[in-house]
Amino acid sequence: MGAFSVWHWVIVLVVVLLLFGGKKIPELAKGLGSGIKNFKKAVKEDDEEEAKKEPEASSQIKQTHAEQAKPQADSTKQD
């Protein structure tokens, strides 16, 4: 009762063809494919932007550490 036979899938296919028509199904598939393509492109661009930001962030961290180290070195020299 829980498993679908081949005839169930044939009936579902016929109903889908009747509802959407022969021309509409390829258009839907094309739209789905272009949507997936655009999604992958956006993810790739986002990864590239993050890769560019990481070196900038690490250089800023190094500058911050260097600036913090200078006052500490100056205070030890005064003692």
PDB file of N, CA and C in Angstrom:
ATOM      1  N   MET A   1       0.819  -1.186   0.000  1.00  0.00           N
ATOM      2  CA  MET A   1       0.000   0.000   0.000  1.00  0.00           C
ATOM      3  C   MET A   1       0.870   1.259   0.000  1.00  0.00           C
ATOM      4  N   GLY A   2       2.036   1.195   0.630  1.00  0.00           N
ATOM      5  CA  GLY A   2       2.888   2.363   0.720  1.00  0.00           C
ATOM      6  C   GLY A   2       3.757   2.577  -0.500  1.00  0.00           C
ATOM      7  N   ALA A   3       3.990   1.538  -1.290  1.00  0.00           N
ATOM      8  CA  ALA A   3       4.880   1.659  -2.439  1.00  0.00           C
ATOM      9  C   ALA A   3       4.078   2.013  -3.686  1.00  0.00           C
ATOM     10  N   PHE A   4       4.709   2.806  -4.553  1.00  0.00           N
ATOM     11  CA  PHE A   4       4.064   3.163  -5.807  1.00  0.00           C
ATOM     12  C   PHE A   4       4.518   2.208  -6.893  1.00  0.00           C
ATOM     13  N   SER A   5       3.563   1.762  -7.687  1.00  0.00           N
ATOM     14  CA  SER A   5       3.910   0.897  -8.811  1.00  0.00           C
ATOM     15  C   SER A   5       4.145   1.770 -10.048  1.00  0.00           C
ATOM     16  N   VAL A   6       4.503   1.132 -11.130  1.00  0.00           N
ATOM     17  CA  VAL A   6       4.746   1.841 -12.381  1.00  0.00           C
ATOM     18  C   VAL A   6       3.478   2.542 -12.846  1.00  0.00           C
ATOM     19  N   TRP A   7       2.345   1.924 -12.631  1.00  0.00           N
ATOM     20  CA  TRP A   7       1.078   2.499 -13.084  1.00  0.00           C
ATOM     21  C   TRP A   7       0.739   3.775 -12.322  1.00  0.00           C
ATOM     22  N   HIS A   8       1.113   3.830 -11.064  1.00  0.00           N
ATOM     23  CA  HIS A   8       0.887   5.060 -10.306  1.00  0.00           C
ATOM     24  C   HIS A   8       1.679   6.223 -10.922  1.00  0.00           C
ATOM     25  N   TRP A   9       2.927   5.951 -11.283  1.00  0.00           N
ATOM     26  CA  TRP A   9       3.762   6.995 -11.864  1.00  0.00           C
ATOM     27  C   TRP A   9       3.257   7.411 -13.244  1.00  0.00           C
ATOM     28  N   VAL A  10       2.721   6.465 -14.020  1.00  0.00           N
ATOM     29  CA  VAL A  10       2.157   6.790 -15.336  1.00  0.00           C
ATOM     30  C   VAL A  10       0.958   7.713 -15.172  1.00  0.00           C
ATOM     31  N   ILE A  11       0.108   7.416 -14.210  1.00  0.00           N
ATOM     32  CA  ILE A  11      -1.070   8.252 -13.965  1.00  0.00           C
ATOM     33  C   ILE A  11      -0.642   9.652 -13.517  1.00  0.00           C
ATOM     34  N   VAL A  12       0.340   9.731 -12.637  1.00  0.00           N
ATOM     35  CA  VAL A  12       0.834  11.036 -12.181  1.00  0.00           C
ATOM     36  C   VAL A  12       1.396  11.824 -13.360  1.00  0.00           C
ATOM     37  N   LEU A  13       2.150  11.175 -14.223  1.00  0.00           N
ATOM     38  CA  LEU A  13       2.716  11.833 -15.393  1.00  0.00           C
ATOM     39  C   LEU A  13       1.623  12.358 -16.322  1.00  0.00           C
ATOM     40  N   VAL A  14       0.593  11.574 -16.550  1.00  0.00           N
ATOM     41  CA  VAL A  14      -0.520  11.999 -17.408  1.00  0.00           C
ATOM     42  C   VAL A  14      -1.227  13.207 -16.800  1.00  0.00           C
ATOM     43  N   VAL A  15      -1.455  13.181 -15.497  1.00  0.00           N
ATOM     44  CA  VAL A  15      -2.123  14.302 -14.831  1.00  0.00           C
ATOM     45  C   VAL A  15      -1.272  15.569 -14.932  1.00  0.00           C
ATOM     46  N   VAL A  16       0.027  15.440 -14.732  1.00  0.00           N
ATOM     47  CA  VAL A  16       0.920  16.601 -14.839  1.00  0.00           C
ATOM     48  C   VAL A  16       0.898  17.153 -16.257  1.00  0.00           C
ATOM     49  N   LEU A  17       0.945  16.284 -17.243  1.00  0.00           N
ATOM     50  CA  LEU A  17       0.888  16.743 -18.635  1.00  0.00           C
ATOM     51  C   LEU A  17      -0.429  17.438 -18.938  1.00  0.00           C
ATOM     52  N   LEU A  18      -1.517  16.937 -18.394  1.00  0.00           N
ATOM     53  CA  LEU A  18      -2.816  17.570 -18.620  1.00  0.00           C
ATOM     54  C   LEU A  18      -2.897  18.933 -17.929  1.00  0.00           C
ATOM     55  N   LEU A  19      -2.337  19.035 -16.740  1.00  0.00           N
ATOM     56  CA  LEU A  19      -2.407  20.295 -16.003  1.00  0.00           C
ATOM     57  C   LEU A  19      -1.509  21.372 -16.600  1.00  0.00           C
ATOM     58  N   PHE A  20      -0.298  21.020 -16.923  1.00  0.00           N
ATOM     59  CA  PHE A  20       0.671  22.018 -17.364  1.00  0.00           C
ATOM     60  C   PHE A  20       0.821  22.093 -18.876  1.00  0.00           C
ATOM     61  N   GLY A  21       0.516  21.050 -19.576  1.00  0.00           N
ATOM     62  CA  GLY A  21       0.667  21.044 -21.024  1.00  0.00           C
ATOM     63  C   GLY A  21       2.087  20.721 -21.444  1.00  0.00           C
ATOM     64  N   GLY A  22       2.238  20.340 -22.688  1.00  0.00           N
ATOM     65  CA  GLY A  22       3.538  19.923 -23.204  1.00  0.00           C
ATOM     66  C   GLY A  22       4.543  21.061 -23.323  1.00  0.00           C
ATOM     67  N   LYS A  23       4.067  22.285 -23.558  1.00  0.00           N
ATOM     68  CA  LYS A  23       4.985  23.410 -23.722  1.00  0.00           C
ATOM     69  C   LYS A  23       5.432  23.985 -22.381  1.00  0.00           C
ATOM     70  N   LYS A  24       4.601  23.902 -21.399  1.00  0.00           N
ATOM     71  CA  LYS A  24       4.898  24.537 -20.112  1.00  0.00           C
ATOM     72  C   LYS A  24       5.989  23.800 -19.334  1.00  0.00           C
ATOM     73  N   ILE A  25       6.061  22.491 -19.433  1.00  0.00           N
ATOM     74  CA  ILE A  25       7.031  21.703 -18.658  1.00  0.00           C
ATOM     75  C   ILE A  25       8.475  22.051 -19.043  1.00  0.00           C
ATOM     76  N   PRO A  26       8.830  22.133 -20.337  1.00  0.00           N
ATOM     77  CA  PRO A  26      10.210  22.542 -20.658  1.00  0.00           C
ATOM     78  C   PRO A  26      10.539  23.960 -20.181  1.00  0.00           C
ATOM     79  N   GLU A  27       9.546  24.851 -20.222  1.00  0.00           N
ATOM     80  CA  GLU A  27       9.771  26.210 -19.734  1.00  0.00           C
ATOM     81  C   GLU A  27      10.048  26.205 -18.231  1.00  0.00           C
ATOM     82  N   LEU A  28       9.318  25.384 -17.498  1.00  0.00           N
ATOM     83  CA  LEU A  28       9.547  25.276 -16.057  1.00  0.00           C
ATOM     84  C   LEU A  28      10.932  24.705 -15.765  1.00  0.00           C
ATOM     85  N   ALA A  29      11.323  23.698 -16.529  1.00  0.00           N
ATOM     86  CA  ALA A  29      12.646  23.100 -16.333  1.00  0.00           C
ATOM     87  C   ALA A  29      13.751  24.100 -16.671  1.00  0.00           C
ATOM     88  N   LYS A  30      13.551  24.882 -17.715  1.00  0.00           N
ATOM     89  CA  LYS A  30      14.534  25.902 -18.092  1.00  0.00           C
ATOM     90  C   LYS A  30      14.653  26.957 -16.996  1.00  0.00           C
ATOM     91  N   GLY A  31      13.535  27.384 -16.464  1.00  0.00           N
ATOM     92  CA  GLY A  31      13.549  28.363 -15.374  1.00  0.00           C
ATOM     93  C   GLY A  31      14.236  27.825 -14.134  1.00  0.00           C
ATOM     94  N   LEU A  32      13.985  26.574 -13.825  1.00  0.00           N
ATOM     95  CA  LEU A  32      14.630  25.942 -12.672  1.00  0.00           C
ATOM     96  C   LEU A  32      16.138  25.851 -12.886  1.00  0.00           C
ATOM     97  N   GLY A  33      16.543  25.459 -14.084  1.00  0.00           N
ATOM     98  CA  GLY A  33      17.975  25.353 -14.390  1.00  0.00           C
ATOM     99  C   GLY A  33      18.682  26.697 -14.314  1.00  0.00           C
ATOM    100  N   SER A  34      18.064  27.741 -14.845  1.00  0.00           N
ATOM    101  CA  SER A  34      18.703  29.064 -14.784  1.00  0.00           C
ATOM    102  C   SER A  34      18.737  29.582 -13.351  1.00  0.00           C
ATOM    103  N   GLY A  35      17.742  29.242 -12.556  1.00  0.00           N
ATOM    104  CA  GLY A  35      17.752  29.627 -11.142  1.00  0.00           C
ATOM    105  C   GLY A  35      18.892  28.969 -10.384  1.00  0.00           C
ATOM    106  N   ILE A  36      19.116  27.705 -10.646  1.00  0.00           N
ATOM    107  CA  ILE A  36      20.219  26.983  -9.996  1.00  0.00           C
ATOM    108  C   ILE A  36      21.556  27.567 -10.448  1.00  0.00           C
ATOM    109  N   LYS A  37      21.665  27.883 -11.733  1.00  0.00           N
ATOM    110  CA  LYS A  37      22.903  28.458 -12.264  1.00  0.00           C
ATOM    111  C   LYS A  37      23.198  29.805 -11.603  1.00  0.00           C
ATOM    112  N   ASN A  38      22.174  30.648 -11.469  1.00  0.00           N
ATOM    113  CA  ASN A  38      22.368  31.948 -10.829  1.00  0.00           C
ATOM    114  C   ASN A  38      22.743  31.793  -9.358  1.00  0.00           C
ATOM    115  N   PHE A  39      22.156  30.820  -8.687  1.00  0.00           N
ATOM    116  CA  PHE A  39      22.478  30.573  -7.281  1.00  0.00           C
ATOM    117  C   PHE A  39      23.940  30.167  -7.121  1.00  0.00           C
ATOM    118  N   LYS A  40      24.403  29.250  -7.965  1.00  0.00           N
ATOM    119  CA  LYS A  40      25.804  28.817  -7.903  1.00  0.00           C
ATOM    120  C   LYS A  40      26.751  29.979  -8.192  1.00  0.00           C
ATOM    121  N   LYS A  41      26.380  30.828  -9.148  1.00  0.00           N
ATOM    122  CA  LYS A  41      27.209  31.984  -9.482  1.00  0.00           C
ATOM    123  C   LYS A  41      27.300  32.938  -8.293  1.00  0.00           C
ATOM    124  N   ALA A  42      26.186  33.172  -7.618  1.00  0.00           N
ATOM    125  CA  ALA A  42      26.186  34.067  -6.461  1.00  0.00           C
ATOM    126  C   ALA A  42      27.017  33.498  -5.319  1.00  0.00           C
ATOM    127  N   VAL A  43      26.940  32.203  -5.102  1.00  0.00           N
ATOM    128  CA  VAL A  43      27.734  31.569  -4.045  1.00  0.00           C
ATOM    129  C   VAL A  43      29.219  31.689  -4.367  1.00  0.00           C
ATOM    130  N   LYS A  44      29.582  31.478  -5.618  1.00  0.00           N
ATOM    131  CA  LYS A  44      30.986  31.574  -6.027  1.00  0.00           C
ATOM    132  C   LYS A  44      31.501  33.000  -5.844  1.00  0.00           C
ATOM    133  N   GLU A  45      30.702  33.993  -6.235  1.00  0.00           N
ATOM    134  CA  GLU A  45      31.108  35.388  -6.072  1.00  0.00           C
ATOM    135  C   GLU A  45      31.258  35.741  -4.597  1.00  0.00           C
ATOM    136  N   ASP A  46      30.369  35.221  -3.762  1.00  0.00           N
ATOM    137  CA  ASP A  46      30.442  35.482  -2.327  1.00  0.00           C
ATOM    138  C   ASP A  46      31.711  34.886  -1.735  1.00  0.00           C
ATOM    139  N   ASP A  47      32.066  33.685  -2.173  1.00  0.00           N
ATOM    140  CA  ASP A  47      33.297  33.050  -1.689  1.00  0.00           C
ATOM    141  C   ASP A  47      34.528  33.847  -2.116  1.00  0.00           C
ATOM    142  N   GLU A  48      34.511  34.371  -3.339  1.00  0.00           N
ATOM    143  CA  GLU A  48      35.639  35.165  -3.822  1.00  0.00           C
ATOM    144  C   GLU A  48      35.775  36.456  -3.020  1.00  0.00           C
ATOM    145  N   GLU A  49      34.649  37.088  -2.673  1.00  0.00           N
ATOM    146  CA  GLU A  49      34.696  38.316  -1.878  1.00  0.00           C
ATOM    147  C   GLU A  49      35.259  38.034  -0.490  1.00  0.00           C
ATOM    148  N   GLU A  50      34.858  36.921   0.105  1.00  0.00           N
ATOM    149  CA  GLU A  50      35.374  36.565   1.426  1.00  0.00           C
ATOM    150  C   GLU A  50      36.865  36.279   1.367  1.00  0.00           C
ATOM    151  N   ALA A  51      37.314  35.650   0.301  1.00  0.00           N
ATOM    152  CA  ALA A  51      38.738  35.349   0.159  1.00  0.00           C
ATOM    153  C   ALA A  51      39.548  36.644   0.043  1.00  0.00           C
ATOM    154  N   LYS A  52      38.986  37.652  -0.601  1.00  0.00           N
ATOM    155  CA  LYS A  52      39.675  38.938  -0.714  1.00  0.00           C
ATOM    156  C   LYS A  52      39.694  39.665   0.627  1.00  0.00           C
ATOM    157  N   LYS A  53      38.640  39.521   1.416  1.00  0.00           N
ATOM    158  CA  LYS A  53      38.545  40.219   2.698  1.00  0.00           C
ATOM    159  C   LYS A  53      39.461  39.606   3.749  1.00  0.00           C
ATOM    160  N   GLU A  54      39.721  38.318   3.685  1.00  0.00           N
ATOM    161  CA  GLU A  54      40.535  37.647   4.702  1.00  0.00           C
ATOM    162  C   GLU A  54      41.948  38.210   4.784  1.00  0.00           C
ATOM    163  N   PRO A  55      42.672  38.427   3.676  1.00  0.00           N
ATOM    164  CA  PRO A  55      44.011  39.021   3.802  1.00  0.00           C
ATOM    165  C   PRO A  55      43.964  40.441   4.368  1.00  0.00           C
ATOM    166  N   GLU A  56      42.941  41.211   4.000  1.00  0.00           N
ATOM    167  CA  GLU A  56      42.807  42.560   4.530  1.00  0.00           C
ATOM    168  C   GLU A  56      42.580  42.520   6.033  1.00  0.00           C
ATOM    169  N   ALA A  57      41.742  41.608   6.483  1.00  0.00           N
ATOM    170  CA  ALA A  57      41.448  41.502   7.906  1.00  0.00           C
ATOM    171  C   ALA A  57      42.680  41.067   8.683  1.00  0.00           C
ATOM    172  N   SER A  58      43.455  40.141   8.144  1.00  0.00           N
ATOM    173  CA  SER A  58      44.647  39.683   8.855  1.00  0.00           C
ATOM    174  C   SER A  58      45.690  40.789   8.937  1.00  0.00           C
ATOM    175  N   SER A  59      45.807  41.628   7.905  1.00  0.00           N
ATOM    176  CA  SER A  59      46.761  42.736   7.966  1.00  0.00           C
ATOM    177  C   SER A  59      46.305  43.778   8.976  1.00  0.00           C
ATOM    178  N   GLN A  60      44.997  43.988   9.110  1.00  0.00           N
ATOM    179  CA  GLN A  60      44.486  44.925  10.104  1.00  0.00           C
ATOM    180  C   GLN A  60      44.734  44.399  11.509  1.00  0.00           C
ATOM    181  N   ILE A  61      44.605  43.121  11.704  1.00  0.00           N
ATOM    182  CA  ILE A  61      44.859  42.522  13.015  1.00  0.00           C
ATOM    183  C   ILE A  61      46.331  42.684  13.373  1.00  0.00           C
ATOM    184  N   LYS A  62      47.216  42.468  12.405  1.00  0.00           N
ATOM    185  CA  LYS A  62      48.647  42.630  12.657  1.00  0.00           C
ATOM    186  C   LYS A  62      48.967  44.073  13.024  1.00  0.00           C
ATOM    187  N   GLN A  63      48.332  45.033  12.352  1.00  0.00           N
ATOM    188  CA  GLN A  63      48.557  46.437  12.667  1.00  0.00           C
ATOM    189  C   GLN A  63      48.076  46.745  14.077  1.00  0.00           C
ATOM    190  N   THR A  64      46.934  46.220  14.455  1.00  0.00           N
ATOM    191  CA  THR A  64      46.388  46.454  15.784  1.00  0.00           C
ATOM    192  C   THR A  64      47.315  45.881  16.840  1.00  0.00           C
ATOM    193  N   HIS A  65      47.821  44.691  16.623  1.00  0.00           N
ATOM    194  CA  HIS A  65      48.747  44.079  17.577  1.00  0.00           C
ATOM    195  C   HIS A  65      50.040  44.888  17.670  1.00  0.00           C
ATOM    196  N   ALA A  66      50.519  45.399  16.553  1.00  0.00           N
ATOM    197  CA  ALA A  66      51.744  46.192  16.557  1.00  0.00           C
ATOM    198  C   ALA A  66      51.528  47.502  17.314  1.00  0.00           C
ATOM    199  N   GLU A  67      50.366  48.116  17.121  1.00  0.00           N
ATOM    200  CA  GLU A  67      50.065  49.363  17.821  1.00  0.00           C
ATOM    201  C   GLU A  67      49.925  49.130  19.318  1.00  0.00           C
ATOM    202  N   GLN A  68      49.355  48.009  19.707  1.00  0.00           N
ATOM    203  CA  GLN A  68      49.205  47.696  21.123  1.00  0.00           C
ATOM    204  C   GLN A  68      50.548  47.354  21.746  1.00  0.00           C
ATOM    205  N   ALA A  69      51.448  46.791  21.000  1.00  0.00           N
ATOM    206  CA  ALA A  69      52.753  46.402  21.530  1.00  0.00           C
ATOM    207  C   ALA A  69      53.642  47.620  21.764  1.00  0.00           C
ATOM    208  N   LYS A  70      53.507  48.666  20.971  1.00  0.00           N
ATOM    209  CA  LYS A  70      54.333  49.861  21.122  1.00  0.00           C
ATOM    210  C   LYS A  70      54.141  50.528  22.481  1.00  0.00           C
ATOM    211  N   PRO A  71      52.926  50.820  22.945  1.00  0.00           N
ATOM    212  CA  PRO A  71      52.773  51.452  24.257  1.00  0.00           C
ATOM    213  C   PRO A  71      53.293  50.570  25.387  1.00  0.00           C
ATOM    214  N   GLN A  72      53.138  49.278  25.269  1.00  0.00           N
ATOM    215  CA  GLN A  72      53.637  48.384  26.305  1.00  0.00           C
ATOM    216  C   GLN A  72      55.158  48.431  26.342  1.00  0.00           C
ATOM    217  N   ALA A  73      55.799  48.505  25.205  1.00  0.00           N
ATOM    218  CA  ALA A  73      57.255  48.573  25.151  1.00  0.00           C
ATOM    219  C   ALA A  73      57.736  49.910  25.708  1.00  0.00           C
ATOM    220  N   ASP A  74      57.020  50.993  25.423  1.00  0.00           N
ATOM    221  CA  ASP A  74      57.385  52.309  25.932  1.00  0.00           C
ATOM    222  C   ASP A  74      57.258  52.367  27.450  1.00  0.00           C
ATOM    223  N   SER A  75      56.230  51.754  28.001  1.00  0.00           N
ATOM    224  CA  SER A  75      56.029  51.788  29.451  1.00  0.00           C
ATOM    225  C   SER A  75      57.103  50.988  30.176  1.00  0.00           C
ATOM    226  N   THR A  76      57.617  49.951  29.572  1.00  0.00           N
ATOM    227  CA  THR A  76      58.670  49.168  30.224  1.00  0.00           C
ATOM    228  C   THR A  76      60.002  49.903  30.167  1.00  0.00           C
ATOM    229  N   LYS A  77      60.211  50.734  29.175  1.00  0.00           N
ATOM    230  CA  LYS A  77      61.456  51.490  29.065  1.00  0.00           C
ATOM    231  C   LYS A  77      61.526  52.598  30.111  1.00  0.00           C
ATOM    232  N   GLN A  78      60.390  53.160  30.502  1.00  0.00           N
ATOM    233  CA  GLN A  78      60.366  54.264  31.451  1.00  0.00           C
ATOM    234  C   GLN A  78      60.688  53.800  32.864  1.00  0.00           C
ATOM    235  N   ASP A  79      60.459  52.592  33.211  1.00  0.00           N
ATOM    236  CA  ASP A  79      60.707  52.094  34.568  1.00  0.00           C
ATOM    237  C   ASP A  79      62.129  51.975  34.863  1.00  0.00           C
TER     238      ASP A  79
END
